[in-house]
Amino acid sequence: MPKTGAPRRVAVIGLGRFGESAARTLADLGYEVTAIDIDERRVAAIADRVTLAAQGAGTDEEMLCSLAVDQSDAGIVGQDNNWRRTDRMKLHYDAETDSLYIDLNARPSVNSTEIADGVVLDVDADDRPVGFDIQHASEALDLSTLETEALPVSRLKVS
């Protein structure tokens, strides 16, 4: 439980690694947590752990007010600044859900469509692809090897 006099309601905007971890930890400690992210997958992944989970842009004041974020005792903003984002392609594998997400760029997803069994395409507000989610990835793909051909890579980062 939160200490006496400590904030009871906390809004967490942005559910990347930091935001999701903060939201889960605070909820586990007994705080009322409102979790917000533009990515519906991130919202769905945390919905059963927090008081309220909602999909939306952290910059949408009308949506934030409708969720009573302004009545929170504290807030945590864990989202990127769009002007600092780069359009690097990234591969993210989640062993817990066995899903591979291919992040094509840093633009936020606003719509998702299943384009094949277990493959979801995310698009931005201009209907441009921003990523692919491949469910049951270890069953569908050989995840042990990553090979590139004629890719004009200036930097390769493995983590």
N, C-alpha and C. Protein backbone atom coordinates (compact mmCIF):
# COMPACT_ATOMS: atom_id res chain seq x y z
N MET A 1 0.83 -1.19 0.00
CA MET A 1 0.00 0.00 0.00
C MET A 1 0.87 1.25 0.00
N PRO A 2 0.39 2.29 -0.63
CA PRO A 2 1.13 3.56 -0.59
C PRO A 2 1.23 4.07 0.84
N LYS A 3 2.31 4.76 1.14
CA LYS A 3 2.48 5.35 2.46
C LYS A 3 1.42 6.40 2.69
N THR A 4 1.08 6.65 3.94
CA THR A 4 0.11 7.68 4.28
C THR A 4 0.59 9.02 3.75
N GLY A 5 -0.30 9.73 3.08
CA GLY A 5 0.05 11.02 2.50
C GLY A 5 0.67 10.93 1.12
N ALA A 6 1.00 9.72 0.68
CA ALA A 6 1.59 9.54 -0.65
C ALA A 6 0.49 9.62 -1.70
N PRO A 7 0.84 9.93 -2.93
CA PRO A 7 -0.16 9.97 -4.00
C PRO A 7 -0.87 8.62 -4.13
N ARG A 8 -2.18 8.65 -4.33
CA ARG A 8 -2.96 7.42 -4.48
C ARG A 8 -3.26 7.14 -5.95
N ARG A 9 -3.47 8.20 -6.73
CA ARG A 9 -3.79 8.05 -8.16
C ARG A 9 -2.62 8.53 -8.99
N VAL A 10 -2.17 7.65 -9.90
CA VAL A 10 -1.03 7.99 -10.74
C VAL A 10 -1.41 7.72 -12.19
N ALA A 11 -1.12 8.68 -13.05
CA ALA A 11 -1.31 8.52 -14.48
C ALA A 11 0.04 8.20 -15.10
N VAL A 12 0.08 7.15 -15.92
CA VAL A 12 1.30 6.78 -16.63
C VAL A 12 1.01 6.91 -18.12
N ILE A 13 1.71 7.82 -18.77
CA ILE A 13 1.51 8.08 -20.19
C ILE A 13 2.73 7.57 -20.94
N GLY A 14 2.49 6.57 -21.78
CA GLY A 14 3.57 5.92 -22.52
C GLY A 14 3.92 4.60 -21.86
N LEU A 15 3.65 3.51 -22.54
CA LEU A 15 3.83 2.19 -21.95
C LEU A 15 4.95 1.40 -22.63
N GLY A 16 6.04 2.09 -22.92
CA GLY A 16 7.24 1.38 -23.38
C GLY A 16 7.82 0.64 -22.18
N ARG A 17 9.07 0.26 -22.25
CA ARG A 17 9.67 -0.51 -21.15
C ARG A 17 9.55 0.22 -19.81
N PHE A 18 9.93 1.49 -19.79
CA PHE A 18 9.89 2.26 -18.55
C PHE A 18 8.46 2.45 -18.05
N GLY A 19 7.57 2.94 -18.91
CA GLY A 19 6.20 3.22 -18.51
C GLY A 19 5.46 1.97 -18.05
N GLU A 20 5.61 0.87 -18.79
CA GLU A 20 4.94 -0.37 -18.40
C GLU A 20 5.45 -0.86 -17.05
N SER A 21 6.76 -0.82 -16.86
CA SER A 21 7.34 -1.25 -15.60
C SER A 21 6.85 -0.38 -14.44
N ALA A 22 6.81 0.92 -14.64
CA ALA A 22 6.32 1.83 -13.60
C ALA A 22 4.86 1.56 -13.29
N ALA A 23 4.03 1.39 -14.32
CA ALA A 23 2.60 1.15 -14.12
C ALA A 23 2.37 -0.15 -13.36
N ARG A 24 3.05 -1.22 -13.75
CA ARG A 24 2.89 -2.52 -13.08
C ARG A 24 3.33 -2.44 -11.62
N THR A 25 4.48 -1.84 -11.40
CA THR A 25 5.01 -1.74 -10.04
C THR A 25 4.08 -0.93 -9.15
N LEU A 26 3.63 0.21 -9.64
CA LEU A 26 2.72 1.04 -8.84
C LEU A 26 1.40 0.32 -8.56
N ALA A 27 0.86 -0.36 -9.56
CA ALA A 27 -0.38 -1.11 -9.35
C ALA A 27 -0.17 -2.21 -8.32
N ASP A 28 0.95 -2.91 -8.41
CA ASP A 28 1.26 -3.97 -7.44
C ASP A 28 1.40 -3.42 -6.03
N LEU A 29 1.81 -2.16 -5.92
CA LEU A 29 1.96 -1.53 -4.60
C LEU A 29 0.64 -0.94 -4.07
N GLY A 30 -0.42 -1.05 -4.87
CA GLY A 30 -1.72 -0.60 -4.41
C GLY A 30 -2.18 0.75 -4.91
N TYR A 31 -1.44 1.36 -5.80
CA TYR A 31 -1.85 2.64 -6.35
C TYR A 31 -2.95 2.44 -7.40
N GLU A 32 -3.80 3.45 -7.56
CA GLU A 32 -4.77 3.46 -8.66
C GLU A 32 -4.03 4.02 -9.86
N VAL A 33 -3.86 3.20 -10.89
CA VAL A 33 -3.05 3.59 -12.05
C VAL A 33 -3.91 3.71 -13.29
N THR A 34 -3.79 4.86 -13.95
CA THR A 34 -4.37 5.05 -15.27
C THR A 34 -3.21 4.96 -16.25
N ALA A 35 -3.25 3.98 -17.15
CA ALA A 35 -2.17 3.73 -18.11
C ALA A 35 -2.64 4.09 -19.52
N ILE A 36 -1.84 4.88 -20.23
CA ILE A 36 -2.24 5.38 -21.55
C ILE A 36 -1.10 5.18 -22.54
N ASP A 37 -1.44 4.70 -23.72
CA ASP A 37 -0.46 4.56 -24.80
C ASP A 37 -1.19 4.59 -26.13
N ILE A 38 -0.52 5.01 -27.16
CA ILE A 38 -1.12 5.05 -28.50
C ILE A 38 -1.22 3.64 -29.10
N ASP A 39 -0.39 2.72 -28.61
CA ASP A 39 -0.32 1.36 -29.15
C ASP A 39 -1.30 0.45 -28.43
N GLU A 40 -2.31 -0.04 -29.15
CA GLU A 40 -3.35 -0.85 -28.52
C GLU A 40 -2.79 -2.14 -27.93
N ARG A 41 -1.71 -2.67 -28.49
CA ARG A 41 -1.12 -3.91 -27.94
C ARG A 41 -0.55 -3.65 -26.55
N ARG A 42 0.10 -2.52 -26.37
CA ARG A 42 0.65 -2.20 -25.06
C ARG A 42 -0.47 -1.98 -24.05
N VAL A 43 -1.53 -1.34 -24.48
CA VAL A 43 -2.68 -1.10 -23.59
C VAL A 43 -3.31 -2.43 -23.19
N ALA A 44 -3.52 -3.31 -24.16
CA ALA A 44 -4.13 -4.62 -23.88
C ALA A 44 -3.25 -5.44 -22.95
N ALA A 45 -1.94 -5.34 -23.10
CA ALA A 45 -1.03 -6.14 -22.29
C ALA A 45 -1.06 -5.77 -20.81
N ILE A 46 -1.45 -4.55 -20.51
CA ILE A 46 -1.41 -4.10 -19.10
C ILE A 46 -2.81 -3.91 -18.51
N ALA A 47 -3.84 -4.03 -19.34
CA ALA A 47 -5.21 -3.70 -18.92
C ALA A 47 -5.65 -4.43 -17.66
N ASP A 48 -5.26 -5.69 -17.49
CA ASP A 48 -5.73 -6.44 -16.32
C ASP A 48 -4.93 -6.15 -15.06
N ARG A 49 -3.88 -5.32 -15.17
CA ARG A 49 -3.03 -5.02 -14.02
C ARG A 49 -3.27 -3.65 -13.41
N VAL A 50 -3.94 -2.75 -14.14
CA VAL A 50 -4.10 -1.38 -13.69
C VAL A 50 -5.59 -1.04 -13.52
N THR A 51 -5.85 0.08 -12.90
CA THR A 51 -7.23 0.52 -12.68
C THR A 51 -7.93 0.85 -13.98
N LEU A 52 -7.24 1.58 -14.86
CA LEU A 52 -7.80 1.98 -16.15
C LEU A 52 -6.70 2.00 -17.19
N ALA A 53 -6.94 1.34 -18.32
CA ALA A 53 -5.98 1.36 -19.44
C ALA A 53 -6.71 1.91 -20.65
N ALA A 54 -6.08 2.86 -21.34
CA ALA A 54 -6.75 3.49 -22.48
C ALA A 54 -5.75 3.72 -23.62
N GLN A 55 -6.28 3.58 -24.84
CA GLN A 55 -5.47 3.86 -26.02
C GLN A 55 -5.69 5.30 -26.43
N GLY A 56 -4.60 6.02 -26.65
CA GLY A 56 -4.70 7.39 -27.09
C GLY A 56 -3.35 8.06 -27.05
N ALA A 57 -3.27 9.21 -27.66
CA ALA A 57 -2.02 9.98 -27.69
C ALA A 57 -1.87 10.75 -26.38
N GLY A 58 -0.69 10.72 -25.83
CA GLY A 58 -0.41 11.43 -24.60
C GLY A 58 -0.47 12.94 -24.75
N THR A 59 -0.59 13.41 -25.98
CA THR A 59 -0.69 14.85 -26.24
C THR A 59 -2.13 15.29 -26.49
N ASP A 60 -3.08 14.36 -26.44
CA ASP A 60 -4.49 14.66 -26.70
C ASP A 60 -5.14 15.12 -25.40
N GLU A 61 -5.19 16.44 -25.20
CA GLU A 61 -5.70 17.00 -23.95
C GLU A 61 -7.14 16.62 -23.67
N GLU A 62 -7.97 16.59 -24.70
CA GLU A 62 -9.38 16.23 -24.53
C GLU A 62 -9.50 14.79 -24.00
N MET A 63 -8.75 13.88 -24.58
CA MET A 63 -8.78 12.50 -24.14
C MET A 63 -8.25 12.38 -22.71
N LEU A 64 -7.18 13.08 -22.40
CA LEU A 64 -6.62 13.03 -21.06
C LEU A 64 -7.61 13.54 -20.02
N CYS A 65 -8.32 14.62 -20.34
CA CYS A 65 -9.34 15.14 -19.42
C CYS A 65 -10.50 14.17 -19.27
N SER A 66 -10.89 13.50 -20.36
CA SER A 66 -12.00 12.54 -20.28
C SER A 66 -11.64 11.36 -19.38
N LEU A 67 -10.35 11.09 -19.22
CA LEU A 67 -9.89 10.02 -18.35
C LEU A 67 -9.58 10.53 -16.94
N ALA A 68 -9.85 11.80 -16.70
CA ALA A 68 -9.62 12.44 -15.40
C ALA A 68 -8.15 12.39 -14.98
N VAL A 69 -7.26 12.45 -15.95
CA VAL A 69 -5.83 12.45 -15.66
C VAL A 69 -5.47 13.68 -14.84
N ASP A 70 -6.17 14.77 -15.07
CA ASP A 70 -5.90 16.00 -14.32
C ASP A 70 -6.23 15.87 -12.84
N GLN A 71 -6.95 14.83 -12.46
CA GLN A 71 -7.29 14.60 -11.05
C GLN A 71 -6.33 13.61 -10.39
N SER A 72 -5.30 13.18 -11.12
CA SER A 72 -4.29 12.27 -10.55
C SER A 72 -3.41 13.04 -9.58
N ASP A 73 -2.90 12.33 -8.60
CA ASP A 73 -1.99 12.94 -7.63
C ASP A 73 -0.59 13.09 -8.20
N ALA A 74 -0.25 12.23 -9.16
CA ALA A 74 1.08 12.26 -9.77
C ALA A 74 0.98 11.72 -11.19
N GLY A 75 1.96 12.05 -11.99
CA GLY A 75 1.99 11.57 -13.36
C GLY A 75 3.39 11.18 -13.77
N ILE A 76 3.46 10.17 -14.62
CA ILE A 76 4.73 9.72 -15.17
C ILE A 76 4.59 9.74 -16.68
N VAL A 77 5.47 10.45 -17.35
CA VAL A 77 5.44 10.49 -18.81
C VAL A 77 6.65 9.70 -19.31
N GLY A 78 6.36 8.61 -19.98
CA GLY A 78 7.41 7.73 -20.48
C GLY A 78 7.36 7.60 -21.98
N GLN A 79 7.00 8.66 -22.68
CA GLN A 79 6.91 8.58 -24.13
C GLN A 79 8.04 9.37 -24.76
N ASP A 80 8.40 8.97 -25.97
CA ASP A 80 9.45 9.65 -26.72
C ASP A 80 8.98 11.02 -27.18
N ASN A 81 9.91 11.90 -27.36
CA ASN A 81 9.62 13.19 -28.00
C ASN A 81 9.70 12.97 -29.50
N ASN A 82 8.61 13.21 -30.21
CA ASN A 82 8.57 12.93 -31.64
C ASN A 82 9.68 13.60 -32.42
N TRP A 83 10.10 14.80 -32.00
CA TRP A 83 11.12 15.49 -32.76
C TRP A 83 12.50 14.86 -32.56
N ARG A 84 12.67 13.98 -31.61
CA ARG A 84 13.94 13.31 -31.39
C ARG A 84 13.94 11.90 -31.96
N ARG A 85 12.81 11.42 -32.37
CA ARG A 85 12.71 10.05 -32.84
C ARG A 85 13.40 9.91 -34.20
N THR A 86 13.91 8.73 -34.42
CA THR A 86 14.52 8.45 -35.70
C THR A 86 13.74 7.34 -36.36
N ASP A 87 13.95 7.18 -37.64
CA ASP A 87 13.23 6.15 -38.37
C ASP A 87 14.09 4.90 -38.53
N ARG A 88 14.67 4.43 -37.45
CA ARG A 88 15.44 3.20 -37.48
C ARG A 88 14.51 2.00 -37.40
N MET A 89 14.82 0.98 -38.15
CA MET A 89 14.04 -0.25 -38.08
C MET A 89 14.56 -1.08 -36.91
N LYS A 90 13.63 -1.66 -36.15
CA LYS A 90 14.01 -2.46 -34.98
C LYS A 90 13.19 -3.74 -34.96
N LEU A 91 13.80 -4.79 -34.45
CA LEU A 91 13.11 -6.06 -34.24
C LEU A 91 12.99 -6.27 -32.74
N HIS A 92 11.79 -6.57 -32.27
CA HIS A 92 11.55 -6.80 -30.84
C HIS A 92 10.92 -8.19 -30.69
N TYR A 93 11.53 -9.05 -29.88
CA TYR A 93 10.95 -10.36 -29.63
C TYR A 93 10.53 -10.43 -28.17
N ASP A 94 9.29 -10.85 -27.93
CA ASP A 94 8.77 -11.02 -26.58
C ASP A 94 8.58 -12.51 -26.35
N ALA A 95 9.47 -13.12 -25.58
CA ALA A 95 9.41 -14.57 -25.34
C ALA A 95 8.15 -14.97 -24.59
N GLU A 96 7.66 -14.07 -23.71
CA GLU A 96 6.47 -14.39 -22.92
C GLU A 96 5.24 -14.58 -23.80
N THR A 97 5.11 -13.76 -24.83
CA THR A 97 3.95 -13.86 -25.73
C THR A 97 4.32 -14.54 -27.05
N ASP A 98 5.59 -14.87 -27.23
CA ASP A 98 6.12 -15.46 -28.47
C ASP A 98 5.70 -14.64 -29.68
N SER A 99 5.94 -13.33 -29.58
CA SER A 99 5.62 -12.46 -30.72
C SER A 99 6.86 -11.68 -31.13
N LEU A 100 6.99 -11.50 -32.43
CA LEU A 100 8.07 -10.71 -33.00
C LEU A 100 7.45 -9.46 -33.59
N TYR A 101 7.93 -8.31 -33.13
CA TYR A 101 7.43 -7.05 -33.68
C TYR A 101 8.54 -6.44 -34.52
N ILE A 102 8.23 -6.15 -35.78
CA ILE A 102 9.18 -5.49 -36.68
C ILE A 102 8.74 -4.03 -36.77
N ASP A 103 9.49 -3.18 -36.09
CA ASP A 103 9.22 -1.75 -36.02
C ASP A 103 9.90 -1.10 -37.22
N LEU A 104 9.15 -0.66 -38.19
CA LEU A 104 9.73 -0.11 -39.41
C LEU A 104 10.24 1.31 -39.24
N ASN A 105 9.63 2.05 -38.32
CA ASN A 105 10.03 3.43 -38.06
C ASN A 105 9.42 3.84 -36.73
N ALA A 106 9.62 5.07 -36.35
CA ALA A 106 9.19 5.53 -35.03
C ALA A 106 7.83 6.23 -35.04
N ARG A 107 7.15 6.26 -36.17
CA ARG A 107 5.84 6.91 -36.20
C ARG A 107 4.84 6.08 -35.39
N PRO A 108 3.93 6.73 -34.66
CA PRO A 108 2.96 5.98 -33.85
C PRO A 108 1.92 5.28 -34.70
N SER A 109 1.53 4.12 -34.24
CA SER A 109 0.48 3.34 -34.91
C SER A 109 -0.88 3.85 -34.46
N VAL A 110 -1.80 3.99 -35.42
CA VAL A 110 -3.16 4.40 -35.08
C VAL A 110 -4.20 3.38 -35.52
N ASN A 111 -3.78 2.39 -36.31
CA ASN A 111 -4.72 1.37 -36.76
C ASN A 111 -3.96 0.08 -37.03
N SER A 112 -4.62 -1.04 -36.79
CA SER A 112 -4.01 -2.35 -37.00
C SER A 112 -4.97 -3.22 -37.78
N THR A 113 -4.41 -4.04 -38.69
CA THR A 113 -5.20 -4.95 -39.50
C THR A 113 -4.49 -6.29 -39.58
N GLU A 114 -5.22 -7.36 -39.33
CA GLU A 114 -4.62 -8.69 -39.50
C GLU A 114 -4.59 -8.98 -41.00
N ILE A 115 -3.37 -9.10 -41.54
CA ILE A 115 -3.22 -9.28 -42.98
C ILE A 115 -3.03 -10.75 -43.36
N ALA A 116 -2.73 -11.58 -42.40
CA ALA A 116 -2.61 -13.03 -42.58
C ALA A 116 -2.80 -13.64 -41.20
N ASP A 117 -3.02 -14.92 -41.12
CA ASP A 117 -3.23 -15.57 -39.84
C ASP A 117 -2.03 -15.32 -38.92
N GLY A 118 -2.24 -14.59 -37.85
CA GLY A 118 -1.18 -14.31 -36.89
C GLY A 118 -0.23 -13.20 -37.28
N VAL A 119 -0.52 -12.44 -38.34
CA VAL A 119 0.34 -11.34 -38.76
C VAL A 119 -0.50 -10.06 -38.81
N VAL A 120 -0.10 -9.07 -38.02
CA VAL A 120 -0.85 -7.82 -37.91
C VAL A 120 0.01 -6.68 -38.45
N LEU A 121 -0.58 -5.88 -39.33
CA LEU A 121 0.08 -4.69 -39.88
C LEU A 121 -0.42 -3.47 -39.12
N ASP A 122 0.52 -2.67 -38.62
CA ASP A 122 0.18 -1.41 -37.97
C ASP A 122 0.48 -0.28 -38.95
N VAL A 123 -0.43 0.71 -39.01
CA VAL A 123 -0.25 1.86 -39.89
C VAL A 123 -0.41 3.15 -39.10
N ASP A 124 0.16 4.23 -39.64
CA ASP A 124 0.06 5.53 -38.98
C ASP A 124 -1.17 6.29 -39.46
N ALA A 125 -1.30 7.53 -39.06
CA ALA A 125 -2.47 8.34 -39.40
C ALA A 125 -2.61 8.57 -40.90
N ASP A 126 -1.49 8.46 -41.63
CA ASP A 126 -1.52 8.62 -43.09
C ASP A 126 -1.63 7.28 -43.81
N ASP A 127 -1.94 6.23 -43.07
CA ASP A 127 -2.11 4.87 -43.59
C ASP A 127 -0.81 4.29 -44.15
N ARG A 128 0.33 4.76 -43.62
CA ARG A 128 1.63 4.23 -44.01
C ARG A 128 2.05 3.16 -43.01
N PRO A 129 2.65 2.05 -43.46
CA PRO A 129 3.06 0.98 -42.54
C PRO A 129 4.09 1.48 -41.53
N VAL A 130 3.90 1.09 -40.26
CA VAL A 130 4.87 1.41 -39.22
C VAL A 130 5.44 0.17 -38.57
N GLY A 131 4.76 -0.98 -38.74
CA GLY A 131 5.28 -2.19 -38.14
C GLY A 131 4.42 -3.41 -38.40
N PHE A 132 5.01 -4.56 -38.09
CA PHE A 132 4.32 -5.84 -38.22
C PHE A 132 4.45 -6.60 -36.91
N ASP A 133 3.39 -7.22 -36.47
CA ASP A 133 3.42 -8.08 -35.29
C ASP A 133 3.19 -9.51 -35.77
N ILE A 134 4.15 -10.38 -35.50
CA ILE A 134 4.03 -11.78 -35.91
C ILE A 134 3.83 -12.61 -34.65
N GLN A 135 2.63 -13.16 -34.50
CA GLN A 135 2.30 -13.97 -33.34
C GLN A 135 2.79 -15.40 -33.55
N HIS A 136 3.09 -16.08 -32.45
CA HIS A 136 3.63 -17.45 -32.49
C HIS A 136 4.89 -17.49 -33.36
N ALA A 137 5.74 -16.50 -33.17
CA ALA A 137 6.91 -16.30 -34.03
C ALA A 137 7.85 -17.49 -34.03
N SER A 138 8.09 -18.10 -32.87
CA SER A 138 9.05 -19.22 -32.84
C SER A 138 8.54 -20.43 -33.60
N GLU A 139 7.23 -20.53 -33.78
CA GLU A 139 6.65 -21.63 -34.55
C GLU A 139 6.70 -21.33 -36.05
N ALA A 140 6.60 -20.05 -36.40
CA ALA A 140 6.52 -19.66 -37.81
C ALA A 140 7.88 -19.33 -38.41
N LEU A 141 8.86 -18.97 -37.58
CA LEU A 141 10.14 -18.49 -38.08
C LEU A 141 11.32 -19.14 -37.37
N ASP A 142 12.46 -19.14 -38.03
CA ASP A 142 13.71 -19.54 -37.39
C ASP A 142 14.29 -18.28 -36.75
N LEU A 143 14.14 -18.16 -35.44
CA LEU A 143 14.59 -16.95 -34.75
C LEU A 143 16.06 -17.02 -34.34
N SER A 144 16.72 -18.12 -34.63
CA SER A 144 18.11 -18.28 -34.20
C SER A 144 19.10 -17.55 -35.10
N THR A 145 18.69 -17.18 -36.30
CA THR A 145 19.60 -16.53 -37.24
C THR A 145 18.93 -15.31 -37.86
N LEU A 146 19.70 -14.23 -37.94
CA LEU A 146 19.25 -13.04 -38.64
C LEU A 146 20.24 -12.79 -39.76
N GLU A 147 19.76 -12.78 -40.98
CA GLU A 147 20.63 -12.62 -42.14
C GLU A 147 20.14 -11.43 -42.96
N THR A 148 21.07 -10.63 -43.43
CA THR A 148 20.71 -9.51 -44.31
C THR A 148 21.44 -9.68 -45.64
N GLU A 149 20.82 -9.23 -46.69
CA GLU A 149 21.43 -9.26 -48.02
C GLU A 149 21.32 -7.89 -48.65
N ALA A 150 22.44 -7.35 -49.06
CA ALA A 150 22.51 -6.08 -49.77
C ALA A 150 21.78 -4.96 -49.02
N LEU A 151 21.79 -5.02 -47.72
CA LEU A 151 21.15 -4.00 -46.90
C LEU A 151 22.17 -2.89 -46.63
N PRO A 152 21.86 -1.65 -46.99
CA PRO A 152 22.83 -0.56 -46.79
C PRO A 152 22.88 -0.13 -45.33
N VAL A 153 23.46 -0.97 -44.49
CA VAL A 153 23.51 -0.72 -43.06
C VAL A 153 24.74 0.08 -42.72
N SER A 154 24.55 1.17 -41.98
CA SER A 154 25.70 1.94 -41.51
C SER A 154 26.02 1.58 -40.06
N ARG A 155 25.04 0.97 -39.36
CA ARG A 155 25.25 0.60 -37.98
C ARG A 155 24.34 -0.56 -37.64
N LEU A 156 24.88 -1.57 -36.98
CA LEU A 156 24.10 -2.72 -36.53
C LEU A 156 24.25 -2.82 -35.03
N LYS A 157 23.14 -2.78 -34.32
CA LYS A 157 23.16 -2.83 -32.87
C LYS A 157 22.45 -4.10 -32.42
N VAL A 158 23.10 -4.91 -31.64
CA VAL A 158 22.51 -6.14 -31.11
C VAL A 158 22.46 -6.01 -29.61
N SER A 159 21.26 -6.20 -29.05
CA SER A 159 21.15 -6.10 -27.58
C SER A 159 20.34 -7.23 -27.03
